[in-house]
N, C-alpha and C. Protein backbone atom coordinates (compact mmCIF):
# COMPACT_ATOMS: atom_id res chain seq x y z
N MET A 1 55.54 230.43 56.90
CA MET A 1 55.29 230.12 58.76
C MET A 1 54.04 230.01 59.19
N ILE A 2 53.56 229.08 59.71
CA ILE A 2 52.54 229.36 61.06
C ILE A 2 52.60 229.48 62.21
N LYS A 3 54.03 230.34 61.86
CA LYS A 3 54.06 230.71 63.76
C LYS A 3 53.42 231.54 64.57
N ASN A 4 52.32 232.27 63.84
CA ASN A 4 51.53 232.80 64.51
C ASN A 4 50.47 232.61 65.18
N ASN A 5 49.84 231.25 64.66
CA ASN A 5 48.92 230.52 65.29
C ASN A 5 49.46 230.02 66.43
N ASP A 6 50.83 229.11 66.58
CA ASP A 6 51.07 228.76 67.11
C ASP A 6 51.35 229.48 69.19
N ASN A 7 51.78 230.92 68.59
CA ASN A 7 51.90 231.71 69.54
C ASN A 7 50.42 232.11 69.72
N ASN A 8 49.50 232.45 68.88
CA ASN A 8 48.35 232.92 69.50
C ASN A 8 47.78 232.32 70.67
N TRP A 9 47.29 230.67 70.70
CA TRP A 9 47.18 229.67 71.81
C TRP A 9 48.29 230.13 73.41
N LYS A 10 49.13 230.60 72.95
CA LYS A 10 50.11 230.84 74.14
C LYS A 10 49.62 231.49 74.70
N ASN A 11 49.56 233.20 73.97
CA ASN A 11 48.89 234.33 74.26
C ASN A 11 47.38 234.58 75.16
N LYS A 12 46.61 233.50 74.63
CA LYS A 12 45.14 233.70 75.34
C LYS A 12 45.71 232.75 76.59
N THR A 13 46.09 231.96 76.75
CA THR A 13 46.59 231.15 78.18
C THR A 13 47.53 232.20 79.27
N TYR A 14 48.39 232.57 79.23
CA TYR A 14 49.06 234.31 79.74
C TYR A 14 47.57 234.91 79.52
N LEU A 15 46.86 235.60 78.97
CA LEU A 15 45.82 236.62 79.57
C LEU A 15 44.95 236.21 80.21
N THR A 16 44.32 234.78 79.73
CA THR A 16 43.44 233.81 80.94
C THR A 16 43.89 234.14 81.90
N GLY A 17 45.07 233.37 82.47
CA GLY A 17 45.71 233.15 83.59
C GLY A 17 45.85 234.04 84.37
N GLY A 18 46.83 235.32 83.61
CA GLY A 18 46.90 236.57 84.54
C GLY A 18 45.28 237.44 85.18
N ILE A 19 44.69 237.18 84.20
CA ILE A 19 43.22 238.01 84.76
C ILE A 19 42.32 237.00 86.16
N LEU A 20 42.66 235.41 85.84
CA LEU A 20 42.13 234.74 86.63
C LEU A 20 42.97 235.09 87.73
N GLY A 21 44.20 234.83 87.94
CA GLY A 21 45.39 235.28 88.78
C GLY A 21 45.14 236.66 89.30
N GLY A 22 44.65 237.42 89.09
CA GLY A 22 44.58 238.81 89.58
C GLY A 22 43.16 238.60 90.70
N VAL A 23 42.06 237.90 89.96
CA VAL A 23 40.60 238.65 90.39
C VAL A 23 40.81 237.44 91.37
N PHE A 24 41.99 236.27 91.17
CA PHE A 24 41.30 235.47 92.67
C PHE A 24 42.29 235.91 94.00
N GLY A 25 43.30 237.10 93.55
CA GLY A 25 44.03 237.56 94.36
C GLY A 25 43.60 238.54 94.91
N LEU A 26 43.04 239.13 94.30
CA LEU A 26 42.07 240.72 94.70
C LEU A 26 41.14 239.55 95.57
N LEU A 27 40.10 239.51 95.26
CA LEU A 27 39.43 238.64 96.14
C LEU A 27 40.46 237.99 97.47
N ALA A 28 41.00 236.97 97.21
CA ALA A 28 42.00 236.56 98.84
C ALA A 28 42.43 238.07 99.82
N ALA A 29 42.53 239.17 99.03
CA ALA A 29 43.52 239.89 99.78
C ALA A 29 41.79 240.69 100.02
N TYR A 30 40.71 240.98 99.83
CA TYR A 30 39.97 241.72 100.12
C TYR A 30 39.14 240.36 101.63
N LEU A 31 39.02 239.49 101.08
CA LEU A 31 38.90 238.12 102.38
C LEU A 31 39.61 238.33 103.62
N PHE A 32 41.18 238.46 103.43
CA PHE A 32 42.14 238.51 104.55
C PHE A 32 41.94 240.31 104.57
N ASN A 33 41.90 241.04 104.31
CA ASN A 33 41.17 242.31 104.97
C ASN A 33 40.58 242.37 106.01
N ARG A 34 39.26 241.72 105.44
CA ARG A 34 37.98 241.99 106.29
C ARG A 34 38.00 240.81 107.46
N ALA A 35 38.69 239.83 107.08
CA ALA A 35 38.92 239.16 108.50
C ALA A 35 40.26 239.72 109.90
N ALA A 36 41.10 240.22 108.52
CA ALA A 36 41.67 240.94 109.86
C ALA A 36 41.40 242.81 110.50
N GLU A 37 40.35 242.89 109.89
CA GLU A 37 39.74 244.30 110.36
C GLU A 37 38.91 243.59 111.83
N GLU A 38 37.90 242.69 111.88
CA GLU A 38 37.15 241.97 112.56
C GLU A 38 37.84 241.57 113.77
N GLU A 39 38.99 240.99 113.24
CA GLU A 39 40.01 241.02 114.26
C GLU A 39 40.69 242.15 115.49
N ALA A 40 41.14 242.67 113.87
CA ALA A 40 41.92 244.24 115.26
C ALA A 40 40.31 244.51 115.77
N ASP A 41 39.13 244.95 115.37
CA ASP A 41 37.96 245.21 116.02
C ASP A 41 37.86 244.47 117.70
N ARG A 42 38.28 243.39 117.80
CA ARG A 42 38.51 242.40 119.12
C ARG A 42 39.80 242.86 119.94
N ASN A 43 40.64 242.72 119.16
CA ASN A 43 42.20 243.24 119.89
C ASN A 43 42.13 244.69 120.38
N GLY A 44 41.08 245.68 120.23
CA GLY A 44 41.15 246.85 120.39
C GLY A 44 42.20 247.70 118.79
N GLY A 45 42.14 247.84 118.21
CA GLY A 45 42.51 248.12 117.09
C GLY A 45 43.82 247.84 116.38
N LYS A 46 44.22 246.71 117.05
CA LYS A 46 45.55 245.98 116.52
C LYS A 46 45.63 244.82 115.68
N PRO A 47 45.56 244.57 114.19
CA PRO A 47 45.35 243.18 113.81
C PRO A 47 46.60 242.37 114.31
N ALA A 48 46.23 240.92 114.11
CA ALA A 48 47.02 239.83 115.10
C ALA A 48 48.03 239.69 113.58
N LYS A 49 49.39 239.29 114.11
CA LYS A 49 50.15 239.04 112.94
C LYS A 49 50.16 237.73 112.76
N ILE A 50 50.63 237.50 111.49
CA ILE A 50 50.33 236.45 111.21
C ILE A 50 51.88 235.48 111.25
N PRO A 51 51.41 234.30 112.04
CA PRO A 51 52.31 233.22 112.34
C PRO A 51 53.47 233.09 111.17
N THR A 52 54.45 232.64 111.26
CA THR A 52 55.34 232.24 110.10
C THR A 52 54.86 230.51 109.74
N MET A 53 54.76 229.83 110.71
CA MET A 53 53.93 228.92 110.09
C MET A 53 53.00 228.86 108.84
N GLN A 54 52.20 229.66 109.52
CA GLN A 54 50.94 229.74 108.21
C GLN A 54 51.40 230.03 107.10
N VAL A 55 52.48 231.40 107.19
CA VAL A 55 52.70 231.56 106.36
C VAL A 55 52.97 230.67 105.07
N LEU A 56 54.44 229.92 106.47
CA LEU A 56 54.92 228.78 105.15
C LEU A 56 54.15 227.75 104.62
N GLY A 57 52.68 227.35 105.32
CA GLY A 57 52.00 226.48 105.08
C GLY A 57 50.94 226.77 103.89
N LEU A 58 50.82 228.37 104.08
CA LEU A 58 50.05 228.83 102.67
C LEU A 58 50.80 228.79 101.53
N SER A 59 52.57 228.92 101.39
CA SER A 59 53.31 229.29 100.50
C SER A 59 53.50 227.96 99.75
N LEU A 60 53.48 226.17 100.68
CA LEU A 60 53.28 225.72 100.25
C LEU A 60 52.38 224.75 99.59
N ALA A 61 51.18 225.49 99.82
CA ALA A 61 50.10 225.26 99.33
C ALA A 61 49.98 225.54 97.80
N GLY A 62 50.73 227.00 97.96
CA GLY A 62 49.99 227.55 96.70
C GLY A 62 51.25 226.96 95.62
N LEU A 63 52.43 226.72 96.05
CA LEU A 63 53.27 225.75 95.33
C LEU A 63 52.75 224.11 94.45
N ASN A 64 52.01 223.93 96.03
CA ASN A 64 50.93 222.93 95.19
C ASN A 64 50.43 222.97 94.00
N PHE A 65 49.55 224.07 94.25
CA PHE A 65 48.35 224.14 93.37
C PHE A 65 48.84 224.72 92.04
N ILE A 66 49.79 225.20 91.89
CA ILE A 66 51.02 225.48 90.75
C ILE A 66 51.26 224.33 89.95
N ARG A 67 51.76 223.45 90.88
CA ARG A 67 52.02 221.92 90.36
C ARG A 67 51.02 221.13 90.07
N GLN A 68 49.54 221.59 90.22
CA GLN A 68 49.16 220.56 89.71
C GLN A 68 48.11 221.28 88.64
N ILE A 69 48.99 222.43 88.50
CA ILE A 69 48.08 223.46 86.78
C ILE A 69 49.10 222.86 85.87
N THR A 70 50.54 222.73 86.05
CA THR A 70 51.38 222.25 85.54
C THR A 70 51.10 220.81 84.91
N GLU A 71 51.01 219.89 85.84
CA GLU A 71 50.54 218.83 85.39
C GLU A 71 48.92 218.53 84.50
N ALA A 72 48.00 219.45 84.60
CA ALA A 72 47.17 219.23 83.82
C ALA A 72 47.30 219.51 82.85
N GLY A 73 48.66 220.63 82.23
CA GLY A 73 48.88 220.57 80.97
C GLY A 73 49.32 219.33 80.43
N LYS A 74 50.15 218.64 80.66
CA LYS A 74 50.76 217.69 80.47
C LYS A 74 49.87 216.65 79.69
N SER A 75 50.63 215.76 78.83
CA SER A 75 49.44 214.76 78.46
C SER A 75 49.25 214.06 79.16
N GLY A 76 48.14 213.00 79.33
CA GLY A 76 48.01 211.95 80.08
C GLY A 76 48.50 210.10 79.51
N LYS A 77 49.27 210.31 78.74
CA LYS A 77 49.48 209.01 78.07
C LYS A 77 51.12 209.36 78.61
N LYS A 78 51.64 208.20 78.79
CA LYS A 78 52.89 207.79 79.25
C LYS A 78 53.59 207.42 77.71
N LYS A 79 54.74 207.47 77.72
CA LYS A 79 56.09 207.24 76.51
C LYS A 79 56.45 205.86 76.70
């Protein structure tokens, strides 16, 4: 059985995706906190609340990004 080689590429993909996701997530959190801190300094120490529509828009953009990654894993040939 060559089942081990079949799972090997999957494990590498999960590991790479997890590391890249963690790096980009930390970078996004750092940039968000830096911008929020600058905004808080201008507003007397209170960071502004994130509008609901902005959170919704970012969520939809994230889902679209995941869909694009999923499409990249599919073959370009139509059956």
